[in-house]
Amino acid sequence: MKMTSGRVTVLGVTLMSLLSGCGVVGSGSGDGGELAEFTVSSPAFSDLKDIPDRYACAAYGGQGKTLPLHWSGVPEAKAFAIVVDDPDAHRGTYIHWVLANLDGTTADLVEASLPDHAVQGRNSAGQASYAAPCPPKGERHRYRYTVYALKEKVPADQVAKLEDSLPAIAERTVARGRITGYLGQNADS
């Protein structure tokens, strides 16, 4: 299914508010203030460091598995959502994965796992699956793994489409945490 340019623009604006460095605009907190932040880490890499190639696409010799993640310092949450994106993609932020409705008591995502009762939304390729990091050869991209603490689960029908899932997550977000990794090489490296 192709999106019209108007839908892409609306999606881009939504992505910018959802994925920006300063917090979710119009979050479910109801107070109009900044979101609470919590810590997201991974045993596979440190924040702002290189993601091991094994987690990349096949073009980088990777297996395309999801990274293991851990989060802590989270205020009370009924559910969690995870969004993986590449803000350095040529046509704007590329969404690699939308995963919603992880149980509110969860504090870990196990490598290559899909937690029980979690729902995958569509990514920028239109697939309800994880797309491993895969920057074009000669380019170095950032990959952001953002975990959102939600005040309630997202209805399954609002997770199905990318243009619906991100605003639905934003509406319910009470806090968030992020770890960012790099993959690829600059052409002059």
N, C-alpha and C. Protein backbone atom coordinates (compact mmCIF):
# COMPACT_ATOMS: atom_id res chain seq x y z
N MET A 1 0.84 -1.17 0.00
CA MET A 1 0.00 0.00 0.00
C MET A 1 0.89 1.23 0.00
N LYS A 2 0.65 2.16 -0.90
CA LYS A 2 1.42 3.38 -0.98
C LYS A 2 0.70 4.50 -0.24
N MET A 3 1.50 5.37 0.39
CA MET A 3 0.92 6.51 1.09
C MET A 3 0.97 7.72 0.18
N THR A 4 -0.07 8.55 0.27
CA THR A 4 -0.05 9.80 -0.48
C THR A 4 0.90 10.76 0.21
N SER A 5 1.34 11.80 -0.50
CA SER A 5 2.29 12.74 0.09
C SER A 5 1.70 13.45 1.30
N GLY A 6 0.39 13.70 1.33
CA GLY A 6 -0.24 14.32 2.50
C GLY A 6 -0.15 13.43 3.72
N ARG A 7 -0.37 12.13 3.53
CA ARG A 7 -0.29 11.20 4.65
C ARG A 7 1.14 11.06 5.13
N VAL A 8 2.09 11.11 4.20
CA VAL A 8 3.50 11.04 4.58
C VAL A 8 3.88 12.26 5.41
N THR A 9 3.39 13.45 5.02
CA THR A 9 3.67 14.67 5.77
C THR A 9 3.11 14.58 7.18
N VAL A 10 1.86 14.16 7.30
CA VAL A 10 1.24 14.02 8.63
C VAL A 10 2.01 13.00 9.45
N LEU A 11 2.38 11.89 8.83
CA LEU A 11 3.16 10.88 9.52
C LEU A 11 4.50 11.44 9.96
N GLY A 12 5.15 12.23 9.10
CA GLY A 12 6.43 12.83 9.45
C GLY A 12 6.31 13.76 10.64
N VAL A 13 5.27 14.58 10.68
CA VAL A 13 5.06 15.49 11.81
C VAL A 13 4.81 14.70 13.08
N THR A 14 4.00 13.65 12.98
CA THR A 14 3.74 12.80 14.15
C THR A 14 5.02 12.15 14.63
N LEU A 15 5.84 11.66 13.70
CA LEU A 15 7.10 11.03 14.07
C LEU A 15 8.01 12.02 14.78
N MET A 16 8.07 13.23 14.26
CA MET A 16 8.95 14.22 14.88
C MET A 16 8.53 14.50 16.31
N SER A 17 7.23 14.60 16.57
CA SER A 17 6.79 14.87 17.94
C SER A 17 6.98 13.64 18.82
N LEU A 18 6.74 12.46 18.27
CA LEU A 18 6.87 11.25 19.06
C LEU A 18 8.32 10.91 19.35
N LEU A 19 9.18 11.08 18.37
CA LEU A 19 10.54 10.59 18.48
C LEU A 19 11.56 11.68 18.76
N SER A 20 11.11 12.90 18.95
CA SER A 20 12.06 14.00 19.17
C SER A 20 12.82 13.83 20.47
N GLY A 21 13.91 14.51 20.58
CA GLY A 21 14.73 14.42 21.78
C GLY A 21 14.11 15.09 22.98
N CYS A 22 13.09 15.91 22.81
CA CYS A 22 12.56 16.65 23.95
C CYS A 22 11.29 16.06 24.51
N GLY A 23 10.85 14.93 24.05
CA GLY A 23 9.69 14.28 24.66
C GLY A 23 8.50 14.22 23.73
N VAL A 24 7.53 13.46 24.14
CA VAL A 24 6.32 13.28 23.35
C VAL A 24 5.42 14.49 23.56
N VAL A 25 5.05 15.14 22.49
CA VAL A 25 4.13 16.26 22.56
C VAL A 25 2.73 15.68 22.66
N GLY A 26 1.93 16.22 23.57
CA GLY A 26 0.57 15.73 23.72
C GLY A 26 0.53 14.34 24.32
N SER A 27 1.45 14.07 25.23
CA SER A 27 1.48 12.74 25.86
C SER A 27 0.29 12.54 26.75
N GLY A 28 0.08 11.33 27.17
CA GLY A 28 -1.04 10.99 28.02
C GLY A 28 -0.91 11.49 29.44
N SER A 29 0.15 12.20 29.78
CA SER A 29 0.34 12.64 31.16
C SER A 29 -0.69 13.67 31.59
N GLY A 30 -1.25 14.41 30.64
CA GLY A 30 -2.30 15.34 30.94
C GLY A 30 -1.84 16.66 31.52
N ASP A 31 -0.57 16.80 31.89
CA ASP A 31 -0.12 18.04 32.51
C ASP A 31 0.60 18.96 31.54
N GLY A 32 0.79 18.52 30.30
CA GLY A 32 1.43 19.35 29.29
C GLY A 32 2.92 19.53 29.50
N GLY A 33 3.50 18.90 30.54
CA GLY A 33 4.91 19.06 30.84
C GLY A 33 5.77 18.03 30.15
N GLU A 34 7.05 18.07 30.48
CA GLU A 34 8.00 17.11 29.93
C GLU A 34 7.74 15.72 30.50
N LEU A 35 8.10 14.73 29.74
CA LEU A 35 7.95 13.35 30.18
C LEU A 35 9.03 12.97 31.17
N ALA A 36 8.68 12.07 32.06
CA ALA A 36 9.70 11.47 32.92
C ALA A 36 10.58 10.59 32.04
N GLU A 37 11.85 10.52 32.40
CA GLU A 37 12.80 9.71 31.65
C GLU A 37 13.24 8.54 32.52
N PHE A 38 13.56 7.42 31.88
CA PHE A 38 14.12 6.28 32.59
C PHE A 38 15.27 5.72 31.76
N THR A 39 15.99 4.78 32.34
CA THR A 39 17.21 4.24 31.73
C THR A 39 16.92 3.01 30.89
N VAL A 40 17.45 3.01 29.67
CA VAL A 40 17.40 1.83 28.79
C VAL A 40 18.85 1.45 28.49
N SER A 41 19.16 0.19 28.63
CA SER A 41 20.51 -0.30 28.36
C SER A 41 20.42 -1.61 27.57
N SER A 42 21.57 -2.07 27.12
CA SER A 42 21.65 -3.34 26.41
C SER A 42 22.96 -4.02 26.76
N PRO A 43 22.92 -5.33 26.99
CA PRO A 43 24.18 -6.05 27.22
C PRO A 43 24.99 -6.19 25.92
N ALA A 44 24.39 -5.84 24.78
CA ALA A 44 25.08 -5.99 23.49
C ALA A 44 25.95 -4.79 23.12
N PHE A 45 25.60 -3.59 23.62
CA PHE A 45 26.38 -2.39 23.30
C PHE A 45 26.04 -1.30 24.29
N SER A 46 26.89 -0.28 24.35
CA SER A 46 26.68 0.87 25.23
C SER A 46 26.07 2.01 24.43
N ASP A 47 25.35 2.88 25.12
CA ASP A 47 24.72 4.03 24.48
C ASP A 47 25.74 4.84 23.69
N LEU A 48 25.35 5.20 22.49
CA LEU A 48 26.15 6.00 21.55
C LEU A 48 27.41 5.28 21.03
N LYS A 49 27.41 3.97 21.12
CA LYS A 49 28.50 3.14 20.59
C LYS A 49 27.98 2.30 19.43
N ASP A 50 28.86 1.52 18.81
CA ASP A 50 28.48 0.69 17.67
C ASP A 50 27.65 -0.51 18.08
N ILE A 51 26.62 -0.78 17.27
CA ILE A 51 25.81 -1.99 17.43
C ILE A 51 26.59 -3.13 16.80
N PRO A 52 26.75 -4.25 17.48
CA PRO A 52 27.48 -5.38 16.88
C PRO A 52 26.83 -5.83 15.56
N ASP A 53 27.66 -6.15 14.58
CA ASP A 53 27.16 -6.55 13.26
C ASP A 53 26.18 -7.70 13.31
N ARG A 54 26.28 -8.57 14.29
CA ARG A 54 25.38 -9.74 14.36
C ARG A 54 23.92 -9.33 14.45
N TYR A 55 23.64 -8.08 14.89
CA TYR A 55 22.26 -7.60 15.00
C TYR A 55 21.83 -6.83 13.76
N ALA A 56 22.70 -6.74 12.76
CA ALA A 56 22.41 -6.01 11.53
C ALA A 56 21.75 -6.94 10.51
N CYS A 57 21.46 -6.38 9.36
CA CYS A 57 20.90 -7.16 8.26
C CYS A 57 21.98 -8.06 7.65
N ALA A 58 21.57 -8.93 6.76
CA ALA A 58 22.50 -9.88 6.13
C ALA A 58 23.60 -9.17 5.35
N ALA A 59 23.35 -7.99 4.81
CA ALA A 59 24.38 -7.26 4.04
C ALA A 59 25.59 -6.92 4.91
N TYR A 60 25.40 -6.88 6.21
CA TYR A 60 26.49 -6.61 7.15
C TYR A 60 26.93 -7.90 7.86
N GLY A 61 26.48 -9.03 7.36
CA GLY A 61 26.84 -10.31 7.97
C GLY A 61 26.02 -10.61 9.21
N GLY A 62 24.95 -9.86 9.42
CA GLY A 62 24.13 -10.03 10.61
C GLY A 62 23.05 -11.07 10.46
N GLN A 63 22.45 -11.37 11.60
CA GLN A 63 21.37 -12.36 11.65
C GLN A 63 20.01 -11.69 11.74
N GLY A 64 19.98 -10.36 11.86
CA GLY A 64 18.72 -9.64 11.89
C GLY A 64 17.89 -9.82 13.14
N LYS A 65 18.54 -10.23 14.22
CA LYS A 65 17.82 -10.46 15.47
C LYS A 65 17.59 -9.14 16.21
N THR A 66 16.52 -9.11 16.99
CA THR A 66 16.29 -7.95 17.85
C THR A 66 17.33 -7.93 18.95
N LEU A 67 17.70 -6.73 19.36
CA LEU A 67 18.67 -6.56 20.44
C LEU A 67 18.06 -6.88 21.79
N PRO A 68 18.87 -7.38 22.72
CA PRO A 68 18.39 -7.50 24.10
C PRO A 68 18.38 -6.10 24.72
N LEU A 69 17.32 -5.78 25.44
CA LEU A 69 17.19 -4.48 26.10
C LEU A 69 16.79 -4.68 27.56
N HIS A 70 17.17 -3.72 28.38
CA HIS A 70 16.76 -3.70 29.79
C HIS A 70 16.40 -2.26 30.14
N TRP A 71 15.34 -2.06 30.92
CA TRP A 71 15.00 -0.71 31.37
C TRP A 71 14.75 -0.70 32.87
N SER A 72 15.08 0.43 33.48
CA SER A 72 14.94 0.56 34.93
C SER A 72 14.61 2.01 35.29
N GLY A 73 14.13 2.20 36.52
CA GLY A 73 13.77 3.54 36.98
C GLY A 73 12.48 4.04 36.38
N VAL A 74 11.60 3.11 36.02
CA VAL A 74 10.35 3.44 35.34
C VAL A 74 9.25 3.73 36.37
N PRO A 75 8.50 4.83 36.15
CA PRO A 75 7.33 5.03 37.01
C PRO A 75 6.30 3.94 36.70
N GLU A 76 5.28 3.84 37.50
CA GLU A 76 4.27 2.81 37.30
C GLU A 76 3.74 2.85 35.87
N ALA A 77 3.65 1.70 35.25
CA ALA A 77 3.16 1.59 33.87
C ALA A 77 2.25 0.38 33.75
N LYS A 78 1.23 0.50 32.94
CA LYS A 78 0.33 -0.62 32.66
C LYS A 78 0.84 -1.46 31.50
N ALA A 79 1.65 -0.82 30.65
CA ALA A 79 2.18 -1.50 29.47
C ALA A 79 3.40 -0.73 28.97
N PHE A 80 4.12 -1.35 28.04
CA PHE A 80 5.26 -0.71 27.39
C PHE A 80 5.12 -0.85 25.88
N ALA A 81 5.75 0.06 25.17
CA ALA A 81 5.88 -0.02 23.72
C ALA A 81 7.34 0.25 23.38
N ILE A 82 7.80 -0.34 22.29
CA ILE A 82 9.16 -0.11 21.82
C ILE A 82 9.08 0.33 20.36
N VAL A 83 9.80 1.39 20.03
CA VAL A 83 9.89 1.86 18.65
C VAL A 83 11.38 1.94 18.32
N VAL A 84 11.76 1.30 17.22
CA VAL A 84 13.14 1.35 16.73
C VAL A 84 13.11 2.16 15.43
N ASP A 85 13.96 3.20 15.38
CA ASP A 85 13.96 4.04 14.19
C ASP A 85 15.37 4.44 13.79
N ASP A 86 15.47 4.92 12.55
CA ASP A 86 16.71 5.43 11.97
C ASP A 86 16.45 6.87 11.53
N PRO A 87 16.88 7.86 12.32
CA PRO A 87 16.63 9.25 11.96
C PRO A 87 17.53 9.75 10.83
N ASP A 88 18.49 8.94 10.39
CA ASP A 88 19.42 9.36 9.35
C ASP A 88 19.05 8.83 7.96
N ALA A 89 17.90 8.19 7.85
CA ALA A 89 17.47 7.66 6.56
C ALA A 89 17.26 8.80 5.56
N HIS A 90 17.48 8.52 4.30
CA HIS A 90 17.44 9.55 3.26
C HIS A 90 16.10 10.25 3.12
N ARG A 91 15.02 9.55 3.31
CA ARG A 91 13.68 10.14 3.12
C ARG A 91 13.03 10.50 4.44
N GLY A 92 13.82 10.74 5.46
CA GLY A 92 13.29 11.04 6.78
C GLY A 92 13.33 9.82 7.67
N THR A 93 12.92 9.99 8.90
CA THR A 93 13.01 8.92 9.89
C THR A 93 12.32 7.64 9.38
N TYR A 94 13.07 6.54 9.45
CA TYR A 94 12.57 5.24 9.02
C TYR A 94 12.28 4.42 10.26
N ILE A 95 11.07 3.91 10.35
CA ILE A 95 10.67 3.09 11.50
C ILE A 95 10.98 1.63 11.20
N HIS A 96 11.83 1.02 12.02
CA HIS A 96 12.20 -0.38 11.84
C HIS A 96 11.29 -1.34 12.60
N TRP A 97 10.70 -0.86 13.69
CA TRP A 97 9.87 -1.77 14.50
C TRP A 97 8.96 -0.97 15.39
N VAL A 98 7.73 -1.43 15.50
CA VAL A 98 6.78 -0.93 16.49
C VAL A 98 6.27 -2.16 17.23
N LEU A 99 6.49 -2.17 18.53
CA LEU A 99 6.04 -3.28 19.37
C LEU A 99 5.28 -2.66 20.53
N ALA A 100 4.04 -3.05 20.71
CA ALA A 100 3.21 -2.45 21.75
C ALA A 100 2.63 -3.53 22.67
N ASN A 101 2.19 -3.06 23.81
CA ASN A 101 1.45 -3.87 24.79
C ASN A 101 2.28 -4.94 25.49
N LEU A 102 3.57 -4.65 25.69
CA LEU A 102 4.35 -5.50 26.57
C LEU A 102 3.79 -5.29 27.98
N ASP A 103 3.78 -6.30 28.77
CA ASP A 103 3.24 -6.23 30.13
C ASP A 103 3.94 -5.15 30.95
N GLY A 104 3.19 -4.44 31.77
CA GLY A 104 3.72 -3.35 32.58
C GLY A 104 4.73 -3.77 33.63
N THR A 105 4.85 -5.05 33.90
CA THR A 105 5.85 -5.53 34.86
C THR A 105 7.14 -5.95 34.17
N THR A 106 7.17 -5.88 32.86
CA THR A 106 8.34 -6.27 32.08
C THR A 106 9.46 -5.24 32.23
N ALA A 107 10.69 -5.72 32.32
CA ALA A 107 11.84 -4.81 32.38
C ALA A 107 12.92 -5.23 31.40
N ASP A 108 12.63 -6.24 30.58
CA ASP A 108 13.63 -6.76 29.66
C ASP A 108 12.99 -7.21 28.36
N LEU A 109 13.74 -7.07 27.28
CA LEU A 109 13.40 -7.69 26.02
C LEU A 109 14.56 -8.64 25.73
N VAL A 110 14.25 -9.90 25.63
CA VAL A 110 15.27 -10.92 25.37
C VAL A 110 15.62 -10.90 23.89
N GLU A 111 16.90 -11.11 23.59
CA GLU A 111 17.35 -11.13 22.20
C GLU A 111 16.48 -12.06 21.36
N ALA A 112 16.10 -11.57 20.18
CA ALA A 112 15.35 -12.34 19.19
C ALA A 112 14.02 -12.87 19.71
N SER A 113 13.39 -12.12 20.62
CA SER A 113 12.14 -12.61 21.18
C SER A 113 10.98 -11.69 20.85
N LEU A 114 9.80 -12.25 20.91
CA LEU A 114 8.57 -11.51 20.80
C LEU A 114 7.76 -11.89 22.04
N PRO A 115 7.68 -10.98 23.02
CA PRO A 115 7.01 -11.30 24.28
C PRO A 115 5.54 -11.70 24.09
N ASP A 116 5.07 -12.57 24.97
CA ASP A 116 3.67 -12.98 24.95
C ASP A 116 2.77 -11.76 25.01
N HIS A 117 1.72 -11.76 24.25
CA HIS A 117 0.67 -10.74 24.24
C HIS A 117 1.12 -9.40 23.65
N ALA A 118 2.38 -9.27 23.26
CA ALA A 118 2.82 -8.03 22.60
C ALA A 118 2.30 -8.04 21.16
N VAL A 119 2.06 -6.85 20.64
CA VAL A 119 1.50 -6.71 19.30
C VAL A 119 2.50 -5.91 18.44
N GLN A 120 2.83 -6.44 17.26
CA GLN A 120 3.71 -5.73 16.35
C GLN A 120 2.88 -4.85 15.41
N GLY A 121 3.29 -3.60 15.30
CA GLY A 121 2.68 -2.71 14.32
C GLY A 121 3.49 -2.72 13.05
N ARG A 122 3.00 -2.06 12.04
CA ARG A 122 3.72 -2.00 10.76
C ARG A 122 4.88 -1.03 10.85
N ASN A 123 5.97 -1.38 10.17
CA ASN A 123 7.14 -0.51 10.09
C ASN A 123 7.05 0.33 8.82
N SER A 124 8.08 1.08 8.51
CA SER A 124 8.05 1.95 7.32
C SER A 124 7.96 1.17 6.02
N ALA A 125 8.33 -0.09 6.04
CA ALA A 125 8.21 -0.93 4.84
C ALA A 125 6.81 -1.54 4.72
N GLY A 126 5.94 -1.25 5.68
CA GLY A 126 4.59 -1.78 5.64
C GLY A 126 4.45 -3.17 6.21
N GLN A 127 5.50 -3.68 6.84
CA GLN A 127 5.49 -5.04 7.40
C GLN A 127 5.28 -5.01 8.92
N ALA A 128 4.50 -5.91 9.43
CA ALA A 128 4.31 -6.04 10.88
C ALA A 128 5.40 -6.97 11.41
N SER A 129 6.63 -6.47 11.36
CA SER A 129 7.78 -7.26 11.79
C SER A 129 8.94 -6.32 12.08
N TYR A 130 10.02 -6.91 12.57
CA TYR A 130 11.24 -6.17 12.86
C TYR A 130 12.10 -6.12 11.61
N ALA A 131 12.60 -4.95 11.27
CA ALA A 131 13.55 -4.79 10.16
C ALA A 131 14.89 -4.41 10.77
N ALA A 132 15.87 -5.28 10.65
CA ALA A 132 17.18 -5.06 11.25
C ALA A 132 17.86 -3.83 10.67
N PRO A 133 18.72 -3.17 11.46
CA PRO A 133 19.49 -2.03 10.95
C PRO A 133 20.27 -2.42 9.70
N CYS A 134 20.24 -1.53 8.70
CA CYS A 134 20.88 -1.86 7.42
C CYS A 134 21.15 -0.58 6.63
N PRO A 135 22.10 0.25 7.09
CA PRO A 135 22.35 1.49 6.35
C PRO A 135 23.00 1.18 5.00
N PRO A 136 22.79 2.08 4.03
CA PRO A 136 23.47 1.88 2.74
C PRO A 136 24.99 1.81 2.96
N LYS A 137 25.65 1.00 2.16
CA LYS A 137 27.11 0.89 2.26
C LYS A 137 27.74 2.27 2.11
N GLY A 138 28.74 2.53 2.92
CA GLY A 138 29.41 3.82 2.89
C GLY A 138 28.75 4.88 3.74
N GLU A 139 27.71 4.51 4.49
CA GLU A 139 27.02 5.45 5.36
C GLU A 139 26.99 4.92 6.79
N ARG A 140 26.99 5.84 7.73
CA ARG A 140 26.90 5.51 9.16
C ARG A 140 25.60 6.12 9.68
N HIS A 141 24.72 5.28 10.23
CA HIS A 141 23.42 5.75 10.72
C HIS A 141 23.27 5.48 12.21
N ARG A 142 22.43 6.32 12.83
CA ARG A 142 22.03 6.13 14.23
C ARG A 142 20.76 5.27 14.25
N TYR A 143 20.68 4.41 15.24
CA TYR A 143 19.48 3.59 15.45
C TYR A 143 19.05 3.81 16.89
N ARG A 144 17.81 4.30 17.05
CA ARG A 144 17.29 4.62 18.37
C ARG A 144 16.30 3.55 18.80
N TYR A 145 16.53 3.01 19.97
CA TYR A 145 15.66 2.00 20.57
C TYR A 145 14.97 2.71 21.74
N THR A 146 13.72 3.13 21.52
CA THR A 146 13.00 3.90 22.52
C THR A 146 11.93 3.04 23.15
N VAL A 147 11.92 3.02 24.47
CA VAL A 147 10.91 2.27 25.23
C VAL A 147 9.97 3.30 25.85
N TYR A 148 8.69 3.12 25.64
CA TYR A 148 7.67 4.02 26.17
C TYR A 148 6.88 3.31 27.28
N ALA A 149 6.77 3.95 28.44
CA ALA A 149 5.92 3.48 29.52
C ALA A 149 4.53 4.04 29.25
N LEU A 150 3.52 3.18 29.25
CA LEU A 150 2.17 3.58 28.88
C LEU A 150 1.22 3.49 30.08
N LYS A 151 0.26 4.40 30.12
CA LYS A 151 -0.74 4.40 31.19
C LYS A 151 -1.81 3.33 30.97
N GLU A 152 -1.89 2.82 29.73
CA GLU A 152 -2.82 1.74 29.39
C GLU A 152 -2.35 1.10 28.09
N LYS A 153 -2.83 -0.11 27.84
CA LYS A 153 -2.48 -0.78 26.58
C LYS A 153 -3.11 -0.04 25.41
N VAL A 154 -2.50 -0.21 24.25
CA VAL A 154 -3.01 0.38 23.02
C VAL A 154 -3.98 -0.62 22.39
N PRO A 155 -5.21 -0.20 22.05
CA PRO A 155 -6.12 -1.14 21.39
C PRO A 155 -5.48 -1.72 20.12
N ALA A 156 -5.65 -3.01 19.92
CA ALA A 156 -4.99 -3.70 18.82
C ALA A 156 -5.27 -3.05 17.47
N ASP A 157 -6.47 -2.54 17.24
CA ASP A 157 -6.77 -1.91 15.96
C ASP A 157 -6.00 -0.61 15.75
N GLN A 158 -5.50 0.00 16.83
CA GLN A 158 -4.71 1.22 16.71
C GLN A 158 -3.22 0.93 16.55
N VAL A 159 -2.83 -0.32 16.63
CA VAL A 159 -1.43 -0.70 16.46
C VAL A 159 -1.16 -1.15 15.02
N ALA A 160 -2.18 -1.57 14.32
CA ALA A 160 -2.02 -2.20 13.02
C ALA A 160 -1.30 -1.34 11.99
N LYS A 161 -1.67 -0.07 11.86
CA LYS A 161 -1.09 0.80 10.84
C LYS A 161 -0.11 1.77 11.48
N LEU A 162 1.00 2.03 10.79
CA LEU A 162 2.03 2.93 11.31
C LEU A 162 1.45 4.31 11.62
N GLU A 163 0.61 4.84 10.73
CA GLU A 163 0.07 6.17 10.95
C GLU A 163 -0.89 6.23 12.14
N ASP A 164 -1.36 5.07 12.61
CA ASP A 164 -2.23 5.02 13.79
C ASP A 164 -1.45 4.67 15.06
N SER A 165 -0.47 3.79 14.91
CA SER A 165 0.21 3.26 16.10
C SER A 165 1.03 4.31 16.83
N LEU A 166 1.76 5.14 16.11
CA LEU A 166 2.62 6.12 16.78
C LEU A 166 1.81 7.16 17.57
N PRO A 167 0.74 7.74 16.99
CA PRO A 167 -0.07 8.66 17.80
C PRO A 167 -0.75 7.96 18.98
N ALA A 168 -1.18 6.70 18.80
CA ALA A 168 -1.82 5.96 19.90
C ALA A 168 -0.84 5.72 21.04
N ILE A 169 0.41 5.43 20.70
CA ILE A 169 1.45 5.26 21.72
C ILE A 169 1.70 6.60 22.40
N ALA A 170 1.81 7.67 21.62
CA ALA A 170 2.08 9.00 22.17
C ALA A 170 1.00 9.42 23.16
N GLU A 171 -0.26 9.16 22.84
CA GLU A 171 -1.38 9.53 23.72
C GLU A 171 -1.29 8.87 25.09
N ARG A 172 -0.71 7.70 25.14
CA ARG A 172 -0.70 6.90 26.37
C ARG A 172 0.63 6.94 27.11
N THR A 173 1.60 7.65 26.57
CA THR A 173 2.95 7.66 27.14
C THR A 173 3.02 8.52 28.40
N VAL A 174 3.61 7.93 29.47
CA VAL A 174 3.83 8.67 30.72
C VAL A 174 5.32 8.88 30.99
N ALA A 175 6.17 8.08 30.34
CA ALA A 175 7.63 8.20 30.50
C ALA A 175 8.28 7.45 29.35
N ARG A 176 9.57 7.76 29.15
CA ARG A 176 10.27 7.05 28.10
C ARG A 176 11.76 6.98 28.41
N GLY A 177 12.41 6.00 27.76
CA GLY A 177 13.85 5.85 27.85
C GLY A 177 14.38 5.45 26.49
N ARG A 178 15.68 5.69 26.26
CA ARG A 178 16.23 5.41 24.93
C ARG A 178 17.69 5.03 25.03
N ILE A 179 18.08 4.12 24.14
CA ILE A 179 19.48 3.83 23.90
C ILE A 179 19.69 3.97 22.39
N THR A 180 20.80 4.58 22.02
CA THR A 180 21.10 4.83 20.61
C THR A 180 22.42 4.16 20.24
N GLY A 181 22.41 3.49 19.11
CA GLY A 181 23.63 2.85 18.62
C GLY A 181 23.89 3.23 17.18
N TYR A 182 25.10 2.95 16.72
CA TYR A 182 25.52 3.29 15.36
C TYR A 182 25.84 2.01 14.58
N LEU A 183 25.64 2.10 13.26
CA LEU A 183 26.01 1.00 12.38
C LEU A 183 26.42 1.58 11.04
N GLY A 184 27.41 0.95 10.43
CA GLY A 184 27.89 1.38 9.13
C GLY A 184 29.16 2.21 9.24
N GLN A 185 29.73 2.53 8.10
CA GLN A 185 30.96 3.31 8.03
C GLN A 185 30.77 4.50 7.12
N ASN A 186 31.34 5.61 7.48
CA ASN A 186 31.34 6.77 6.59
C ASN A 186 32.19 6.45 5.38
N ALA A 187 31.84 7.03 4.25
CA ALA A 187 32.56 6.78 3.01
C ALA A 187 34.04 7.13 3.11
N ASP A 188 34.38 8.12 3.97
CA ASP A 188 35.77 8.54 4.10
C ASP A 188 36.52 7.80 5.20
N SER A 189 35.88 6.80 5.81
CA SER A 189 36.53 6.04 6.90
C SER A 189 37.43 4.96 6.36
